[in-house]
Amino acid sequence: MTRRRRARPAGDDEPRRFPRSARVNELCREIVAEELERIDDPRLELVTITHIGVDPDLRRAVVEFSRLGQGEDEAAVALAEHRVRLQAAIGRQARLRRTPELSFRLDEAIRTAARIEQLLREHRLPDPE
């Protein structure tokens, strides 16, 4: 008896280019970002979800965010308060074996890049003429 190969959907001639973990991370990031737009909480204004890192076993996920201006601490508190709603959105929209438990962390890369840019502006050499 021969094994049947699963048919690919029409138009899916290419193999997937990214590992499963990268696809799950991006899917969860999109779902959380969309759900944040629906939440009416002024502490979450100007919050951007920059990255989500889901563990391979799908038990936990670290949500990295940035906020334009001040108020990162209150944004982190607001995100923690809405954690269950955000997890439920992932559970409804993603076809995963389990829904990861979310934790939130400020994305330091944005702050570090801004600091480097500021230092470069301050110490810019005069243009030779």
C-alpha atoms as a PDB file:
ATOM      1  CA  MET A   1       0.000   0.000   0.000  1.00  0.00           C
ATOM      2  CA  THR A   2       1.435   3.367  -0.994  1.00  0.00           C
ATOM      3  CA  ARG A   3       1.367   6.442   1.171  1.00  0.00           C
ATOM      4  CA  ARG A   4      -0.639   9.367  -0.031  1.00  0.00           C
ATOM      5  CA  ARG A   5       0.986  12.748  -0.107  1.00  0.00           C
ATOM      6  CA  ARG A   6      -0.999  15.654   1.200  1.00  0.00           C
ATOM      7  CA  ALA A   7      -2.075  17.942  -1.579  1.00  0.00           C
ATOM      8  CA  ARG A   8      -0.871  21.526  -1.419  1.00  0.00           C
ATOM      9  CA  PRO A   9      -3.381  24.315  -1.884  1.00  0.00           C
ATOM     10  CA  ALA A  10      -3.563  25.836  -5.351  1.00  0.00           C
ATOM     11  CA  GLY A  11      -0.823  28.370  -5.928  1.00  0.00           C
ATOM     12  CA  ASP A  12       1.369  26.916  -3.168  1.00  0.00           C
ATOM     13  CA  ASP A  13       4.122  25.555  -5.414  1.00  0.00           C
ATOM     14  CA  GLU A  14       6.998  26.879  -3.291  1.00  0.00           C
ATOM     15  CA  PRO A  15       8.090  25.256  -0.070  1.00  0.00           C
ATOM     16  CA  ARG A  16       7.827  27.454   2.987  1.00  0.00           C
ATOM     17  CA  ARG A  17      10.857  29.679   3.370  1.00  0.00           C
ATOM     18  CA  PHE A  18      10.672  30.387   7.089  1.00  0.00           C
ATOM     19  CA  PRO A  19      10.766  27.981  10.015  1.00  0.00           C
ATOM     20  CA  ARG A  20       7.538  27.309  11.869  1.00  0.00           C
ATOM     21  CA  SER A  21       8.639  29.310  14.916  1.00  0.00           C
ATOM     22  CA  ALA A  22       9.119  32.467  12.810  1.00  0.00           C
ATOM     23  CA  ARG A  23       5.659  32.036  11.262  1.00  0.00           C
ATOM     24  CA  VAL A  24       4.036  31.519  14.680  1.00  0.00           C
ATOM     25  CA  ASN A  25       5.846  34.570  16.083  1.00  0.00           C
ATOM     26  CA  GLU A  26       4.646  36.781  13.245  1.00  0.00           C
ATOM     27  CA  LEU A  27       1.091  35.421  13.355  1.00  0.00           C
ATOM     28  CA  CYS A  28       0.841  36.115  17.093  1.00  0.00           C
ATOM     29  CA  ARG A  29       2.330  39.598  16.627  1.00  0.00           C
ATOM     30  CA  GLU A  30      -0.308  40.453  14.017  1.00  0.00           C
ATOM     31  CA  ILE A  31      -3.160  39.114  16.164  1.00  0.00           C
ATOM     32  CA  VAL A  32      -2.044  40.997  19.287  1.00  0.00           C
ATOM     33  CA  ALA A  33      -1.496  44.227  17.326  1.00  0.00           C
ATOM     34  CA  GLU A  34      -4.966  44.013  15.777  1.00  0.00           C
ATOM     35  CA  GLU A  35      -6.572  43.265  19.133  1.00  0.00           C
ATOM     36  CA  LEU A  36      -4.790  46.244  20.736  1.00  0.00           C
ATOM     37  CA  GLU A  37      -6.484  48.515  18.196  1.00  0.00           C
ATOM     38  CA  ARG A  38      -9.870  47.292  19.450  1.00  0.00           C
ATOM     39  CA  ILE A  39      -9.108  47.937  23.128  1.00  0.00           C
ATOM     40  CA  ASP A  40     -10.286  51.331  24.344  1.00  0.00           C
ATOM     41  CA  ASP A  41      -7.610  52.109  26.916  1.00  0.00           C
ATOM     42  CA  PRO A  42      -5.784  55.455  26.753  1.00  0.00           C
ATOM     43  CA  ARG A  43      -2.685  53.874  28.321  1.00  0.00           C
ATOM     44  CA  LEU A  44      -2.284  51.779  25.172  1.00  0.00           C
ATOM     45  CA  GLU A  45      -2.261  54.679  22.735  1.00  0.00           C
ATOM     46  CA  LEU A  46       0.912  54.858  20.655  1.00  0.00           C
ATOM     47  CA  VAL A  47       1.934  51.323  21.719  1.00  0.00           C
ATOM     48  CA  THR A  48       3.562  49.221  19.016  1.00  0.00           C
ATOM     49  CA  ILE A  49       4.129  45.480  19.229  1.00  0.00           C
ATOM     50  CA  THR A  50       7.639  45.053  17.828  1.00  0.00           C
ATOM     51  CA  HIS A  51       8.207  41.327  18.321  1.00  0.00           C
ATOM     52  CA  ILE A  52       6.731  38.242  19.917  1.00  0.00           C
ATOM     53  CA  GLY A  53       8.921  35.282  20.808  1.00  0.00           C
ATOM     54  CA  VAL A  54       6.907  32.099  21.299  1.00  0.00           C
ATOM     55  CA  ASP A  55       8.585  29.129  22.983  1.00  0.00           C
ATOM     56  CA  PRO A  56       8.832  26.030  20.753  1.00  0.00           C
ATOM     57  CA  ASP A  57       6.446  24.163  23.064  1.00  0.00           C
ATOM     58  CA  LEU A  58       3.895  27.030  22.751  1.00  0.00           C
ATOM     59  CA  ARG A  59       3.570  27.418  26.523  1.00  0.00           C
ATOM     60  CA  ARG A  60       4.895  30.977  26.833  1.00  0.00           C
ATOM     61  CA  ALA A  61       5.403  34.016  24.650  1.00  0.00           C
ATOM     62  CA  VAL A  62       7.282  37.229  25.385  1.00  0.00           C
ATOM     63  CA  VAL A  63       5.659  40.268  23.795  1.00  0.00           C
ATOM     64  CA  GLU A  64       8.116  43.099  23.156  1.00  0.00           C
ATOM     65  CA  PHE A  65       6.563  46.532  22.726  1.00  0.00           C
ATOM     66  CA  SER A  66       7.524  50.154  22.374  1.00  0.00           C
ATOM     67  CA  ARG A  67       5.612  53.320  23.091  1.00  0.00           C
ATOM     68  CA  LEU A  68       6.160  56.662  21.468  1.00  0.00           C
ATOM     69  CA  GLY A  69       6.845  59.292  24.089  1.00  0.00           C
ATOM     70  CA  GLN A  70       6.607  58.655  27.818  1.00  0.00           C
ATOM     71  CA  GLY A  71       4.577  56.156  29.804  1.00  0.00           C
ATOM     72  CA  GLU A  72       6.177  52.788  29.091  1.00  0.00           C
ATOM     73  CA  ASP A  73       5.491  51.637  32.661  1.00  0.00           C
ATOM     74  CA  GLU A  74       1.782  52.378  32.525  1.00  0.00           C
ATOM     75  CA  ALA A  75       1.590  50.741  29.090  1.00  0.00           C
ATOM     76  CA  ALA A  76       3.172  47.594  30.549  1.00  0.00           C
ATOM     77  CA  VAL A  77       0.604  47.583  33.366  1.00  0.00           C
ATOM     78  CA  ALA A  78      -2.244  48.033  30.862  1.00  0.00           C
ATOM     79  CA  LEU A  79      -0.948  45.204  28.688  1.00  0.00           C
ATOM     80  CA  ALA A  80      -0.748  42.929  31.718  1.00  0.00           C
ATOM     81  CA  GLU A  81      -4.331  43.825  32.632  1.00  0.00           C
ATOM     82  CA  HIS A  82      -5.532  42.926  29.121  1.00  0.00           C
ATOM     83  CA  ARG A  83      -3.377  39.757  28.924  1.00  0.00           C
ATOM     84  CA  VAL A  84      -6.322  37.342  29.106  1.00  0.00           C
ATOM     85  CA  ARG A  85      -8.162  39.142  26.303  1.00  0.00           C
ATOM     86  CA  LEU A  86      -5.053  39.120  24.103  1.00  0.00           C
ATOM     87  CA  GLN A  87      -4.457  35.415  24.776  1.00  0.00           C
ATOM     88  CA  ALA A  88      -8.102  34.683  23.938  1.00  0.00           C
ATOM     89  CA  ALA A  89      -7.693  36.492  20.609  1.00  0.00           C
ATOM     90  CA  ILE A  90      -4.692  34.300  19.782  1.00  0.00           C
ATOM     91  CA  GLY A  91      -6.680  31.220  20.783  1.00  0.00           C
ATOM     92  CA  ARG A  92      -9.595  32.197  18.524  1.00  0.00           C
ATOM     93  CA  GLN A  93      -7.600  33.208  15.473  1.00  0.00           C
ATOM     94  CA  ALA A  94      -4.518  30.987  15.423  1.00  0.00           C
ATOM     95  CA  ARG A  95      -4.718  27.277  14.866  1.00  0.00           C
ATOM     96  CA  LEU A  96      -2.261  26.221  17.533  1.00  0.00           C
ATOM     97  CA  ARG A  97      -2.226  23.211  19.823  1.00  0.00           C
ATOM     98  CA  ARG A  98      -2.222  25.487  22.841  1.00  0.00           C
ATOM     99  CA  THR A  99      -2.439  29.188  23.472  1.00  0.00           C
ATOM    100  CA  PRO A 100       0.797  30.621  24.883  1.00  0.00           C
ATOM    101  CA  GLU A 101       0.752  32.561  28.145  1.00  0.00           C
ATOM    102  CA  LEU A 102       1.807  36.119  27.361  1.00  0.00           C
ATOM    103  CA  SER A 103       4.307  38.224  29.264  1.00  0.00           C
ATOM    104  CA  PHE A 104       5.293  41.756  28.297  1.00  0.00           C
ATOM    105  CA  ARG A 105       8.652  43.471  28.061  1.00  0.00           C
ATOM    106  CA  LEU A 106       9.726  46.864  26.809  1.00  0.00           C
ATOM    107  CA  ASP A 107      11.745  46.568  23.595  1.00  0.00           C
ATOM    108  CA  GLU A 108      15.109  48.056  24.528  1.00  0.00           C
ATOM    109  CA  ALA A 109      16.357  48.017  20.932  1.00  0.00           C
ATOM    110  CA  ILE A 110      14.225  51.058  20.077  1.00  0.00           C
ATOM    111  CA  ARG A 111      15.524  53.044  23.044  1.00  0.00           C
ATOM    112  CA  THR A 112      19.115  51.998  22.342  1.00  0.00           C
ATOM    113  CA  ALA A 113      18.853  53.012  18.680  1.00  0.00           C
ATOM    114  CA  ALA A 114      17.452  56.403  19.642  1.00  0.00           C
ATOM    115  CA  ARG A 115      20.307  56.930  22.105  1.00  0.00           C
ATOM    116  CA  ILE A 116      22.929  56.007  19.488  1.00  0.00           C
ATOM    117  CA  GLU A 117      21.317  58.364  16.998  1.00  0.00           C
ATOM    118  CA  GLN A 118      21.340  61.175  19.582  1.00  0.00           C
ATOM    119  CA  LEU A 119      25.021  60.591  20.339  1.00  0.00           C
ATOM    120  CA  LEU A 120      25.902  60.618  16.658  1.00  0.00           C
ATOM    121  CA  ARG A 121      24.070  63.917  16.172  1.00  0.00           C
ATOM    122  CA  GLU A 122      25.831  65.476  19.162  1.00  0.00           C
ATOM    123  CA  HIS A 123      29.300  64.371  18.094  1.00  0.00           C
ATOM    124  CA  ARG A 124      29.013  64.876  14.375  1.00  0.00           C
ATOM    125  CA  LEU A 125      32.237  66.162  12.870  1.00  0.00           C
ATOM    126  CA  PRO A 126      32.025  69.417  10.925  1.00  0.00           C
ATOM    127  CA  ASP A 127      31.787  69.000   7.170  1.00  0.00           C
ATOM    128  CA  PRO A 128      35.140  69.594   5.445  1.00  0.00           C
ATOM    129  CA  GLU A 129      34.832  72.363   2.882  1.00  0.00           C
END
